[in-house]
Amino acid sequence: MIHPLLFRPCRWLLLLTSIALGGCGLFGTVPEPAPVEEAVMPAPVAVPAPPPRDEGAALRAHLREHYKLWKGTPYRLGGLTTRGIDCSGFVLVTFKALLGTTLPRTVEAQAQLGQGIGPEQLETGDLVFFRTGGATRHVGIYLEQGRFLHASTRRGVMISRLGDGYWRHRYWQARRVRPAPPTPPTPAVQSAGND
């Protein structure tokens, strides 16, 4: 006769074995599902092309993504990597990466590019310059709504506001150095074949 305490583990072993074998299909088969008829797809409908994106909005989106890669990178005079970068280096790297435009390396040379614009004319991608002391100059890239990207000597790559006391009192000039977007053709110039 089997002792009752030994019978209990055997009963569990038998139960687990039958579940495992049943799961493998040895104790029965699962019927295959009935074939499904192919769905008839409707003919594709022509969807009108989206209107052209605002170039400023696209550039802002690219600048934000670029900023995420560089955010907090420490300031290092002469640096051009995520281990350290200075303000003109950040502008140089950003313009090369996003616009394919090679700019001069120094703030002084960048401050002579393109055309000067007033603060009320600022658009995404314009360069903003500051006199930070004596002969020292600083540069950043205008983003939107009074904010600009730059490599700060104290906090590294960051976004600041032009209206903040420090920057407002040191503002020097703004310059547009990127090429102007192409002018869309007027309806009179478009031909009938260009729908």
C-alpha atoms as a PDB file:
ATOM      1  CA  MET A   1       0.000   0.000   0.000  1.00  0.00           C
ATOM      2  CA  ILE A   2       1.255   3.516  -0.898  1.00  0.00           C
ATOM      3  CA  HIS A   3       1.643   5.857   1.990  1.00  0.00           C
ATOM      4  CA  PRO A   4      -0.865   8.807   1.707  1.00  0.00           C
ATOM      5  CA  LEU A   5       1.919  11.432   1.906  1.00  0.00           C
ATOM      6  CA  LEU A   6       3.708   9.872  -1.092  1.00  0.00           C
ATOM      7  CA  PHE A   7       0.485   9.639  -3.091  1.00  0.00           C
ATOM      8  CA  ARG A   8      -0.103  13.427  -3.042  1.00  0.00           C
ATOM      9  CA  PRO A   9       3.121  14.371  -4.971  1.00  0.00           C
ATOM     10  CA  CYS A  10       2.413  11.586  -7.475  1.00  0.00           C
ATOM     11  CA  ARG A  11      -1.062  12.936  -8.037  1.00  0.00           C
ATOM     12  CA  TRP A  12       0.367  16.430  -8.783  1.00  0.00           C
ATOM     13  CA  LEU A  13       2.988  14.956 -11.100  1.00  0.00           C
ATOM     14  CA  LEU A  14       0.283  13.033 -12.985  1.00  0.00           C
ATOM     15  CA  LEU A  15      -1.879  16.173 -13.272  1.00  0.00           C
ATOM     16  CA  LEU A  16       1.017  18.318 -14.560  1.00  0.00           C
ATOM     17  CA  THR A  17       2.041  15.627 -17.063  1.00  0.00           C
ATOM     18  CA  SER A  18      -1.481  15.378 -18.462  1.00  0.00           C
ATOM     19  CA  ILE A  19      -1.710  19.187 -18.804  1.00  0.00           C
ATOM     20  CA  ALA A  20       1.641  19.342 -20.572  1.00  0.00           C
ATOM     21  CA  LEU A  21       0.786  16.505 -22.937  1.00  0.00           C
ATOM     22  CA  GLY A  22      -2.650  17.942 -23.564  1.00  0.00           C
ATOM     23  CA  GLY A  23      -1.061  21.248 -24.473  1.00  0.00           C
ATOM     24  CA  CYS A  24       1.056  19.503 -27.091  1.00  0.00           C
ATOM     25  CA  GLY A  25      -2.018  18.022 -28.758  1.00  0.00           C
ATOM     26  CA  LEU A  26      -1.487  14.359 -27.810  1.00  0.00           C
ATOM     27  CA  PHE A  27      -4.889  14.033 -26.132  1.00  0.00           C
ATOM     28  CA  GLY A  28      -6.864  15.655 -28.926  1.00  0.00           C
ATOM     29  CA  THR A  29      -6.558  17.956 -31.853  1.00  0.00           C
ATOM     30  CA  VAL A  30      -7.698  21.482 -32.244  1.00  0.00           C
ATOM     31  CA  PRO A  31      -9.750  21.941 -35.406  1.00  0.00           C
ATOM     32  CA  GLU A  32      -8.244  24.239 -38.011  1.00  0.00           C
ATOM     33  CA  PRO A  33     -10.137  27.451 -38.568  1.00  0.00           C
ATOM     34  CA  ALA A  34     -12.285  27.631 -41.640  1.00  0.00           C
ATOM     35  CA  PRO A  35     -10.633  29.391 -44.590  1.00  0.00           C
ATOM     36  CA  VAL A  36     -11.325  33.088 -44.716  1.00  0.00           C
ATOM     37  CA  GLU A  37     -12.466  34.594 -47.956  1.00  0.00           C
ATOM     38  CA  GLU A  38     -10.185  37.262 -49.313  1.00  0.00           C
ATOM     39  CA  ALA A  39     -11.439  40.702 -48.498  1.00  0.00           C
ATOM     40  CA  VAL A  40     -12.172  42.846 -51.477  1.00  0.00           C
ATOM     41  CA  MET A  41     -10.294  46.101 -51.071  1.00  0.00           C
ATOM     42  CA  PRO A  42     -11.876  49.208 -52.508  1.00  0.00           C
ATOM     43  CA  ALA A  43      -9.989  50.965 -55.261  1.00  0.00           C
ATOM     44  CA  PRO A  44      -7.549  53.533 -53.894  1.00  0.00           C
ATOM     45  CA  VAL A  45      -8.964  57.004 -53.688  1.00  0.00           C
ATOM     46  CA  ALA A  46      -6.779  59.858 -54.829  1.00  0.00           C
ATOM     47  CA  VAL A  47      -5.881  61.909 -51.779  1.00  0.00           C
ATOM     48  CA  PRO A  48      -4.941  65.502 -52.479  1.00  0.00           C
ATOM     49  CA  ALA A  49      -1.355  66.341 -51.627  1.00  0.00           C
ATOM     50  CA  PRO A  50      -0.970  68.250 -48.381  1.00  0.00           C
ATOM     51  CA  PRO A  51      -0.268  71.938 -48.789  1.00  0.00           C
ATOM     52  CA  PRO A  52       3.421  72.824 -48.725  1.00  0.00           C
ATOM     53  CA  ARG A  53       4.713  73.062 -45.179  1.00  0.00           C
ATOM     54  CA  ASP A  54       5.651  76.401 -43.772  1.00  0.00           C
ATOM     55  CA  GLU A  55       9.417  76.526 -44.201  1.00  0.00           C
ATOM     56  CA  GLY A  56       9.795  78.275 -40.851  1.00  0.00           C
ATOM     57  CA  ALA A  57       7.816  75.534 -39.096  1.00  0.00           C
ATOM     58  CA  ALA A  58       9.961  72.829 -40.701  1.00  0.00           C
ATOM     59  CA  LEU A  59      13.167  74.629 -39.710  1.00  0.00           C
ATOM     60  CA  ARG A  60      11.871  75.095 -36.133  1.00  0.00           C
ATOM     61  CA  ALA A  61      11.145  71.369 -35.910  1.00  0.00           C
ATOM     62  CA  HIS A  62      14.655  70.538 -37.162  1.00  0.00           C
ATOM     63  CA  LEU A  63      16.216  73.024 -34.750  1.00  0.00           C
ATOM     64  CA  ARG A  64      14.321  71.478 -31.818  1.00  0.00           C
ATOM     65  CA  GLU A  65      15.504  67.987 -32.762  1.00  0.00           C
ATOM     66  CA  HIS A  66      19.056  69.289 -33.210  1.00  0.00           C
ATOM     67  CA  TYR A  67      18.821  70.971 -29.807  1.00  0.00           C
ATOM     68  CA  LYS A  68      17.849  67.659 -28.170  1.00  0.00           C
ATOM     69  CA  LEU A  69      21.147  66.188 -29.410  1.00  0.00           C
ATOM     70  CA  TRP A  70      23.217  69.094 -28.087  1.00  0.00           C
ATOM     71  CA  LYS A  71      21.286  70.194 -24.982  1.00  0.00           C
ATOM     72  CA  GLY A  72      23.589  70.664 -22.012  1.00  0.00           C
ATOM     73  CA  THR A  73      26.786  70.178 -24.019  1.00  0.00           C
ATOM     74  CA  PRO A  74      29.366  72.123 -21.995  1.00  0.00           C
ATOM     75  CA  TYR A  75      30.958  75.290 -23.320  1.00  0.00           C
ATOM     76  CA  ARG A  76      34.531  74.844 -24.495  1.00  0.00           C
ATOM     77  CA  LEU A  77      36.364  77.564 -26.384  1.00  0.00           C
ATOM     78  CA  GLY A  78      37.312  76.185 -29.808  1.00  0.00           C
ATOM     79  CA  GLY A  79      35.266  73.006 -29.281  1.00  0.00           C
ATOM     80  CA  LEU A  80      33.133  71.454 -32.017  1.00  0.00           C
ATOM     81  CA  THR A  81      31.884  68.230 -30.436  1.00  0.00           C
ATOM     82  CA  THR A  82      29.320  67.117 -27.860  1.00  0.00           C
ATOM     83  CA  ARG A  83      32.192  67.001 -25.361  1.00  0.00           C
ATOM     84  CA  GLY A  84      32.448  70.785 -25.609  1.00  0.00           C
ATOM     85  CA  ILE A  85      31.515  73.545 -28.042  1.00  0.00           C
ATOM     86  CA  ASP A  86      31.597  77.341 -28.156  1.00  0.00           C
ATOM     87  CA  CYS A  87      28.889  79.680 -29.455  1.00  0.00           C
ATOM     88  CA  SER A  88      30.218  80.230 -32.983  1.00  0.00           C
ATOM     89  CA  GLY A  89      31.054  76.524 -33.238  1.00  0.00           C
ATOM     90  CA  PHE A  90      27.472  75.628 -32.318  1.00  0.00           C
ATOM     91  CA  VAL A  91      26.182  77.975 -35.044  1.00  0.00           C
ATOM     92  CA  LEU A  92      28.660  76.530 -37.557  1.00  0.00           C
ATOM     93  CA  VAL A  93      27.737  72.893 -36.742  1.00  0.00           C
ATOM     94  CA  THR A  94      23.996  73.637 -36.754  1.00  0.00           C
ATOM     95  CA  PHE A  95      23.989  75.438 -40.105  1.00  0.00           C
ATOM     96  CA  LYS A  96      26.092  72.703 -41.684  1.00  0.00           C
ATOM     97  CA  ALA A  97      23.878  69.908 -40.315  1.00  0.00           C
ATOM     98  CA  LEU A  98      20.485  71.476 -40.995  1.00  0.00           C
ATOM     99  CA  LEU A  99      20.995  73.747 -43.985  1.00  0.00           C
ATOM    100  CA  GLY A 100      24.107  72.342 -45.623  1.00  0.00           C
ATOM    101  CA  THR A 101      25.651  75.804 -45.313  1.00  0.00           C
ATOM    102  CA  THR A 102      29.250  76.290 -44.229  1.00  0.00           C
ATOM    103  CA  LEU A 103      29.769  79.420 -42.143  1.00  0.00           C
ATOM    104  CA  PRO A 104      32.998  81.032 -40.941  1.00  0.00           C
ATOM    105  CA  ARG A 105      34.315  79.817 -37.583  1.00  0.00           C
ATOM    106  CA  THR A 106      34.390  83.044 -35.562  1.00  0.00           C
ATOM    107  CA  VAL A 107      31.662  85.302 -34.210  1.00  0.00           C
ATOM    108  CA  GLU A 108      33.332  88.307 -35.831  1.00  0.00           C
ATOM    109  CA  ALA A 109      33.226  86.704 -39.288  1.00  0.00           C
ATOM    110  CA  GLN A 110      29.657  85.422 -38.798  1.00  0.00           C
ATOM    111  CA  ALA A 111      28.544  88.930 -37.800  1.00  0.00           C
ATOM    112  CA  GLN A 112      29.451  90.184 -41.290  1.00  0.00           C
ATOM    113  CA  LEU A 113      27.426  87.612 -43.247  1.00  0.00           C
ATOM    114  CA  GLY A 114      24.084  88.065 -44.969  1.00  0.00           C
ATOM    115  CA  GLN A 115      21.939  91.104 -44.334  1.00  0.00           C
ATOM    116  CA  GLY A 116      21.305  92.987 -41.137  1.00  0.00           C
ATOM    117  CA  ILE A 117      17.702  92.910 -39.889  1.00  0.00           C
ATOM    118  CA  GLY A 118      15.860  94.590 -37.044  1.00  0.00           C
ATOM    119  CA  PRO A 119      14.719  92.660 -33.976  1.00  0.00           C
ATOM    120  CA  GLU A 120      11.094  92.969 -35.133  1.00  0.00           C
ATOM    121  CA  GLN A 121      12.003  91.120 -38.358  1.00  0.00           C
ATOM    122  CA  LEU A 122      13.492  88.035 -36.686  1.00  0.00           C
ATOM    123  CA  GLU A 123      12.562  84.691 -38.192  1.00  0.00           C
ATOM    124  CA  THR A 124      13.561  81.149 -37.324  1.00  0.00           C
ATOM    125  CA  GLY A 125      17.194  80.556 -38.292  1.00  0.00           C
ATOM    126  CA  ASP A 126      18.369  84.178 -38.109  1.00  0.00           C
ATOM    127  CA  LEU A 127      21.562  84.835 -36.173  1.00  0.00           C
ATOM    128  CA  VAL A 128      21.417  87.047 -33.089  1.00  0.00           C
ATOM    129  CA  PHE A 129      24.560  88.722 -31.770  1.00  0.00           C
ATOM    130  CA  PHE A 130      25.440  90.186 -28.398  1.00  0.00           C
ATOM    131  CA  ARG A 131      28.231  92.289 -26.907  1.00  0.00           C
ATOM    132  CA  THR A 132      29.017  90.462 -23.693  1.00  0.00           C
ATOM    133  CA  GLY A 133      31.925  92.565 -22.513  1.00  0.00           C
ATOM    134  CA  GLY A 134      34.837  94.580 -23.919  1.00  0.00           C
ATOM    135  CA  ALA A 135      35.630  93.036 -27.279  1.00  0.00           C
ATOM    136  CA  THR A 136      33.798  89.783 -26.467  1.00  0.00           C
ATOM    137  CA  ARG A 137      30.897  88.840 -28.724  1.00  0.00           C
ATOM    138  CA  HIS A 138      28.322  86.053 -28.542  1.00  0.00           C
ATOM    139  CA  VAL A 139      26.062  84.486 -31.194  1.00  0.00           C
ATOM    140  CA  GLY A 140      22.939  82.354 -31.159  1.00  0.00           C
ATOM    141  CA  ILE A 141      20.246  81.101 -33.549  1.00  0.00           C
ATOM    142  CA  TYR A 142      16.781  82.598 -33.305  1.00  0.00           C
ATOM    143  CA  LEU A 143      14.090  79.974 -32.726  1.00  0.00           C
ATOM    144  CA  GLU A 144      10.715  81.691 -32.216  1.00  0.00           C
ATOM    145  CA  GLN A 145       8.744  83.877 -29.836  1.00  0.00           C
ATOM    146  CA  GLY A 146      11.806  85.703 -28.551  1.00  0.00           C
ATOM    147  CA  ARG A 147      13.792  82.523 -27.858  1.00  0.00           C
ATOM    148  CA  PHE A 148      17.177  81.554 -29.269  1.00  0.00           C
ATOM    149  CA  LEU A 149      19.556  78.572 -29.153  1.00  0.00           C
ATOM    150  CA  HIS A 150      23.151  79.108 -28.148  1.00  0.00           C
ATOM    151  CA  ALA A 151      26.151  77.706 -26.296  1.00  0.00           C
ATOM    152  CA  SER A 152      26.260  79.557 -22.981  1.00  0.00           C
ATOM    153  CA  THR A 153      29.597  79.807 -21.193  1.00  0.00           C
ATOM    154  CA  ARG A 154      27.959  78.833 -17.880  1.00  0.00           C
ATOM    155  CA  ARG A 155      25.240  76.346 -18.810  1.00  0.00           C
ATOM    156  CA  GLY A 156      26.335  74.982 -22.181  1.00  0.00           C
ATOM    157  CA  VAL A 157      23.935  74.557 -25.097  1.00  0.00           C
ATOM    158  CA  MET A 158      20.563  75.921 -24.076  1.00  0.00           C
ATOM    159  CA  ILE A 159      17.565  78.041 -25.059  1.00  0.00           C
ATOM    160  CA  SER A 160      17.360  81.598 -23.719  1.00  0.00           C
ATOM    161  CA  ARG A 161      14.983  84.525 -24.111  1.00  0.00           C
ATOM    162  CA  LEU A 162      16.020  87.725 -25.868  1.00  0.00           C
ATOM    163  CA  GLY A 163      13.892  89.672 -23.403  1.00  0.00           C
ATOM    164  CA  ASP A 164      15.751  88.409 -20.321  1.00  0.00           C
ATOM    165  CA  GLY A 165      17.624  91.244 -18.632  1.00  0.00           C
ATOM    166  CA  TYR A 166      21.097  89.902 -19.379  1.00  0.00           C
ATOM    167  CA  TRP A 167      20.493  89.371 -23.109  1.00  0.00           C
ATOM    168  CA  ARG A 168      18.244  92.409 -23.638  1.00  0.00           C
ATOM    169  CA  HIS A 169      20.978  94.766 -22.391  1.00  0.00           C
ATOM    170  CA  ARG A 170      23.693  93.094 -24.469  1.00  0.00           C
ATOM    171  CA  TYR A 171      21.805  92.701 -27.767  1.00  0.00           C
ATOM    172  CA  TRP A 172      23.918  93.979 -30.655  1.00  0.00           C
ATOM    173  CA  GLN A 173      22.438  92.922 -34.008  1.00  0.00           C
ATOM    174  CA  ALA A 174      20.655  90.205 -36.008  1.00  0.00           C
ATOM    175  CA  ARG A 175      21.559  88.876 -39.430  1.00  0.00           C
ATOM    176  CA  ARG A 176      19.794  86.711 -41.979  1.00  0.00           C
ATOM    177  CA  VAL A 177      22.378  84.436 -43.581  1.00  0.00           C
ATOM    178  CA  ARG A 178      20.331  81.625 -45.014  1.00  0.00           C
ATOM    179  CA  PRO A 179      19.043  81.841 -48.562  1.00  0.00           C
ATOM    180  CA  ALA A 180      15.528  83.218 -48.912  1.00  0.00           C
ATOM    181  CA  PRO A 181      12.913  80.547 -49.698  1.00  0.00           C
ATOM    182  CA  PRO A 182      11.939  80.355 -53.368  1.00  0.00           C
ATOM    183  CA  THR A 183       8.964  82.467 -54.338  1.00  0.00           C
ATOM    184  CA  PRO A 184       6.002  80.284 -55.371  1.00  0.00           C
ATOM    185  CA  PRO A 185       4.855  80.834 -58.953  1.00  0.00           C
ATOM    186  CA  THR A 186       1.828  83.036 -59.458  1.00  0.00           C
ATOM    187  CA  PRO A 187      -1.294  81.481 -61.059  1.00  0.00           C
ATOM    188  CA  ALA A 188      -0.653  83.390 -64.307  1.00  0.00           C
ATOM    189  CA  VAL A 189       2.771  81.748 -64.667  1.00  0.00           C
ATOM    190  CA  GLN A 190       1.616  78.160 -64.030  1.00  0.00           C
ATOM    191  CA  SER A 191       0.866  76.094 -67.103  1.00  0.00           C
ATOM    192  CA  ALA A 192      -2.208  73.866 -67.456  1.00  0.00           C
ATOM    193  CA  GLY A 193      -0.033  70.725 -67.334  1.00  0.00           C
ATOM    194  CA  ASN A 194       1.338  71.425 -63.820  1.00  0.00           C
ATOM    195  CA  ASP A 195      -1.639  70.392 -61.690  1.00  0.00           C
END
